[in-house]
């Protein structure tokens, strides 16, 4: 299961991805799924099992453009996105 971290600016997205990788989280920058952010934006995707590390990085850094974490739930050929509250 994956999580998408949505930001409203590319600088924060890239910085967050790099910070996750520095602490051993396999993260990748991906296009933000339709409906979760603005058009042409990018997000960070990582495994759900690393959510506590991601929250740590988020709180430690200054990511003012952070929007939300969304869990990706796959249902057949469809994906549903559930907000993660922390």
Protein backbone atom coordinates (compact mmCIF):
# COMPACT_ATOMS: atom_id res chain seq x y z
CA UNK A 1 0.00 0.00 0.00
CA UNK A 2 1.25 3.48 -0.90
CA UNK A 3 0.88 7.03 0.36
CA UNK A 4 0.92 10.26 -1.65
CA UNK A 5 2.21 13.42 0.05
CA UNK A 6 0.73 16.43 -1.74
CA UNK A 7 2.42 19.84 -1.80
CA UNK A 8 1.51 23.04 -3.61
CA UNK A 9 5.05 23.89 -4.64
CA UNK A 10 7.71 21.86 -6.43
CA UNK A 11 10.60 23.02 -4.23
CA UNK A 12 8.99 21.55 -1.11
CA UNK A 13 8.07 18.37 -2.99
CA UNK A 14 11.64 17.74 -4.12
CA UNK A 15 13.08 18.71 -0.72
CA UNK A 16 10.69 16.34 1.09
CA UNK A 17 11.59 13.49 -1.27
CA UNK A 18 15.31 14.03 -0.70
CA UNK A 19 14.83 14.20 3.09
CA UNK A 20 12.91 10.89 3.05
CA UNK A 21 15.63 9.21 1.00
CA UNK A 22 18.28 10.44 3.46
CA UNK A 23 16.59 8.48 6.25
CA UNK A 24 16.18 5.32 4.17
CA UNK A 25 12.65 5.72 2.80
CA UNK A 26 12.24 4.66 -0.81
CA UNK A 27 10.34 7.69 -2.16
CA UNK A 28 9.66 8.92 -5.66
CA UNK A 29 8.33 12.13 -7.15
CA UNK A 30 5.17 11.47 -9.19
CA UNK A 31 2.46 13.47 -10.91
CA UNK A 32 -0.28 14.40 -8.45
CA UNK A 33 -3.40 12.32 -9.10
CA UNK A 34 -6.31 14.28 -10.53
CA UNK A 35 -8.44 15.85 -7.83
CA UNK A 36 -5.75 15.85 -5.12
CA UNK A 37 -3.90 18.98 -6.16
CA UNK A 38 -3.54 21.61 -8.80
CA UNK A 39 -3.00 20.65 -12.40
CA UNK A 40 0.58 19.79 -13.39
CA UNK A 41 1.70 19.45 -9.77
CA UNK A 42 3.97 16.77 -8.38
CA UNK A 43 3.77 14.76 -5.17
CA UNK A 44 5.87 12.25 -3.25
CA UNK A 45 4.90 8.57 -3.24
CA UNK A 46 6.18 6.08 -0.67
CA UNK A 47 5.13 2.90 1.14
CA UNK A 48 2.49 3.25 3.86
CA UNK A 49 4.74 1.40 6.32
CA UNK A 50 6.97 4.51 6.35
CA UNK A 51 4.24 7.00 7.31
CA UNK A 52 5.72 7.62 10.78
CA UNK A 53 9.09 8.52 9.22
CA UNK A 54 7.35 10.83 6.75
CA UNK A 55 5.48 12.60 9.55
CA UNK A 56 8.79 12.99 11.40
CA UNK A 57 10.43 14.57 8.33
CA UNK A 58 7.42 16.81 7.78
CA UNK A 59 7.47 18.09 11.37
CA UNK A 60 11.23 18.52 11.40
CA UNK A 61 11.30 20.53 8.17
CA UNK A 62 9.66 23.71 6.99
CA UNK A 63 7.22 22.51 4.33
CA UNK A 64 4.72 25.36 4.25
CA UNK A 65 3.12 24.14 1.02
CA UNK A 66 2.23 20.69 2.40
CA UNK A 67 -1.41 19.84 1.80
CA UNK A 68 -2.11 16.28 3.03
CA UNK A 69 -1.09 12.65 3.07
CA UNK A 70 -3.40 10.33 1.14
CA UNK A 71 -3.45 6.54 1.35
CA UNK A 72 -3.91 4.91 -2.05
CA UNK A 73 -6.56 2.21 -1.86
CA UNK A 74 -6.82 0.03 -4.96
CA UNK A 75 -10.22 -1.45 -5.74
CA UNK A 76 -9.98 -3.58 -8.87
CA UNK A 77 -8.90 -1.21 -11.65
CA UNK A 78 -9.84 1.89 -9.65
CA UNK A 79 -7.84 3.88 -7.12
CA UNK A 80 -9.41 5.63 -4.19
CA UNK A 81 -7.58 8.17 -2.05
CA UNK A 82 -8.19 8.38 1.69
CA UNK A 83 -6.84 11.27 3.72
CA UNK A 84 -4.50 10.28 6.56
CA UNK A 85 -4.94 12.25 9.75
CA UNK A 86 -1.97 12.41 12.10
